[in-house]
Amino acid sequence: MFSDKPAPDLPATAPEWRMSDAGPLPESNRRRRTWLWVLLGILGACLLVCIGLLVWGNTIGEGTISNLATRAASEATAKAGP
């Protein structure tokens, strides 16, 4: 009743119509971009650390930053001499 190839004049809406086999699918040659994700991850981590230190330095760590700056200025003045 059904043949492997439908008649050429058979409309696509007919129940007997079947699509022919297109053969095996081609291999996907999509390359993985692992190096890109690693680079973006490192940059994102650096950005988060910088933002975190900026927020910490302007809120809770303000006294610590001030003390470090004062100590550095005192040591630089002592090294420079009178």
C-alpha atoms as a PDB file:
ATOM      1  CA  MET A   1       0.000   0.000   0.000  1.00  0.00           C
ATOM      2  CA  PHE A   2       2.716   2.518   0.983  1.00  0.00           C
ATOM      3  CA  SER A   3       5.865   2.833  -1.048  1.00  0.00           C
ATOM      4  CA  ASP A   4       9.160   4.336   0.107  1.00  0.00           C
ATOM      5  CA  LYS A   5       8.756   7.338  -2.154  1.00  0.00           C
ATOM      6  CA  PRO A   6       5.483   9.239  -2.384  1.00  0.00           C
ATOM      7  CA  ALA A   7       4.031  10.118  -5.720  1.00  0.00           C
ATOM      8  CA  PRO A   8       5.297  13.514  -6.955  1.00  0.00           C
ATOM      9  CA  ASP A   9       1.762  14.836  -7.397  1.00  0.00           C
ATOM     10  CA  LEU A  10       0.693  13.872  -3.845  1.00  0.00           C
ATOM     11  CA  PRO A  11      -0.053  17.012  -1.772  1.00  0.00           C
ATOM     12  CA  ALA A  12       1.786  17.448   1.527  1.00  0.00           C
ATOM     13  CA  THR A  13      -1.537  17.465   3.392  1.00  0.00           C
ATOM     14  CA  ALA A  14      -2.449  13.951   2.251  1.00  0.00           C
ATOM     15  CA  PRO A  15      -2.219  11.252   4.954  1.00  0.00           C
ATOM     16  CA  GLU A  16      -0.105   9.071   2.649  1.00  0.00           C
ATOM     17  CA  TRP A  17       2.539  11.769   2.228  1.00  0.00           C
ATOM     18  CA  ARG A  18       5.836  11.089   3.998  1.00  0.00           C
ATOM     19  CA  MET A  19       9.048  13.071   4.036  1.00  0.00           C
ATOM     20  CA  SER A  20      12.009  11.338   2.490  1.00  0.00           C
ATOM     21  CA  ASP A  21      15.011  10.492   4.648  1.00  0.00           C
ATOM     22  CA  ALA A  22      17.632  13.236   4.550  1.00  0.00           C
ATOM     23  CA  GLY A  23      20.370  10.896   5.728  1.00  0.00           C
ATOM     24  CA  PRO A  24      22.501  11.253   8.847  1.00  0.00           C
ATOM     25  CA  LEU A  25      22.743  14.635  10.501  1.00  0.00           C
ATOM     26  CA  PRO A  26      26.026  16.492  10.037  1.00  0.00           C
ATOM     27  CA  GLU A  27      28.461  16.565  12.940  1.00  0.00           C
ATOM     28  CA  SER A  28      28.334  19.686  15.061  1.00  0.00           C
ATOM     29  CA  ASN A  29      31.611  21.553  14.736  1.00  0.00           C
ATOM     30  CA  ARG A  30      30.774  24.098  17.428  1.00  0.00           C
ATOM     31  CA  ARG A  31      33.923  24.759  19.418  1.00  0.00           C
ATOM     32  CA  ARG A  32      33.821  25.087  23.150  1.00  0.00           C
ATOM     33  CA  ARG A  33      34.951  28.428  24.414  1.00  0.00           C
ATOM     34  CA  THR A  34      36.161  27.323  27.850  1.00  0.00           C
ATOM     35  CA  TRP A  35      39.016  29.814  27.816  1.00  0.00           C
ATOM     36  CA  LEU A  36      36.523  32.633  27.331  1.00  0.00           C
ATOM     37  CA  TRP A  37      34.433  31.550  30.333  1.00  0.00           C
ATOM     38  CA  VAL A  38      37.580  31.224  32.476  1.00  0.00           C
ATOM     39  CA  LEU A  39      38.713  34.715  31.469  1.00  0.00           C
ATOM     40  CA  LEU A  40      35.256  36.192  32.114  1.00  0.00           C
ATOM     41  CA  GLY A  41      35.131  34.426  35.482  1.00  0.00           C
ATOM     42  CA  ILE A  42      38.493  35.860  36.542  1.00  0.00           C
ATOM     43  CA  LEU A  43      37.512  39.357  35.426  1.00  0.00           C
ATOM     44  CA  GLY A  44      34.175  39.064  37.215  1.00  0.00           C
ATOM     45  CA  ALA A  45      35.873  37.906  40.422  1.00  0.00           C
ATOM     46  CA  CYS A  46      38.331  40.835  40.273  1.00  0.00           C
ATOM     47  CA  LEU A  47      35.451  43.241  39.732  1.00  0.00           C
ATOM     48  CA  LEU A  48      33.549  41.823  42.712  1.00  0.00           C
ATOM     49  CA  VAL A  49      36.636  42.071  44.941  1.00  0.00           C
ATOM     50  CA  CYS A  50      37.252  45.690  43.898  1.00  0.00           C
ATOM     51  CA  ILE A  51      33.636  46.668  44.494  1.00  0.00           C
ATOM     52  CA  GLY A  52      33.623  44.827  47.827  1.00  0.00           C
ATOM     53  CA  LEU A  53      36.779  46.588  49.008  1.00  0.00           C
ATOM     54  CA  LEU A  54      35.414  49.950  47.889  1.00  0.00           C
ATOM     55  CA  VAL A  55      32.186  49.456  49.829  1.00  0.00           C
ATOM     56  CA  TRP A  56      34.063  48.115  52.863  1.00  0.00           C
ATOM     57  CA  GLY A  57      36.531  51.012  52.799  1.00  0.00           C
ATOM     58  CA  ASN A  58      33.724  53.580  52.681  1.00  0.00           C
ATOM     59  CA  THR A  59      31.654  51.995  55.463  1.00  0.00           C
ATOM     60  CA  ILE A  60      32.968  49.618  58.134  1.00  0.00           C
ATOM     61  CA  GLY A  61      36.659  49.795  57.246  1.00  0.00           C
ATOM     62  CA  GLU A  62      36.916  53.587  57.135  1.00  0.00           C
ATOM     63  CA  GLY A  63      38.895  53.710  60.401  1.00  0.00           C
ATOM     64  CA  THR A  64      41.247  50.952  59.260  1.00  0.00           C
ATOM     65  CA  ILE A  65      41.957  52.719  55.969  1.00  0.00           C
ATOM     66  CA  SER A  66      42.548  55.999  57.806  1.00  0.00           C
ATOM     67  CA  ASN A  67      44.973  54.341  60.239  1.00  0.00           C
ATOM     68  CA  LEU A  68      46.890  52.666  57.393  1.00  0.00           C
ATOM     69  CA  ALA A  69      47.163  55.960  55.509  1.00  0.00           C
ATOM     70  CA  THR A  70      48.360  57.795  58.636  1.00  0.00           C
ATOM     71  CA  ARG A  71      50.963  55.104  59.357  1.00  0.00           C
ATOM     72  CA  ALA A  72      52.220  55.187  55.746  1.00  0.00           C
ATOM     73  CA  ALA A  73      52.486  58.998  55.833  1.00  0.00           C
ATOM     74  CA  SER A  74      54.369  58.890  59.154  1.00  0.00           C
ATOM     75  CA  GLU A  75      56.849  56.319  57.868  1.00  0.00           C
ATOM     76  CA  ALA A  76      57.396  58.285  54.649  1.00  0.00           C
ATOM     77  CA  THR A  77      58.012  61.462  56.673  1.00  0.00           C
ATOM     78  CA  ALA A  78      60.473  59.631  58.955  1.00  0.00           C
ATOM     79  CA  LYS A  79      62.401  58.257  55.946  1.00  0.00           C
ATOM     80  CA  ALA A  80      62.565  61.662  54.286  1.00  0.00           C
ATOM     81  CA  GLY A  81      64.267  63.176  57.327  1.00  0.00           C
ATOM     82  CA  PRO A  82      64.146  66.706  58.569  1.00  0.00           C
END
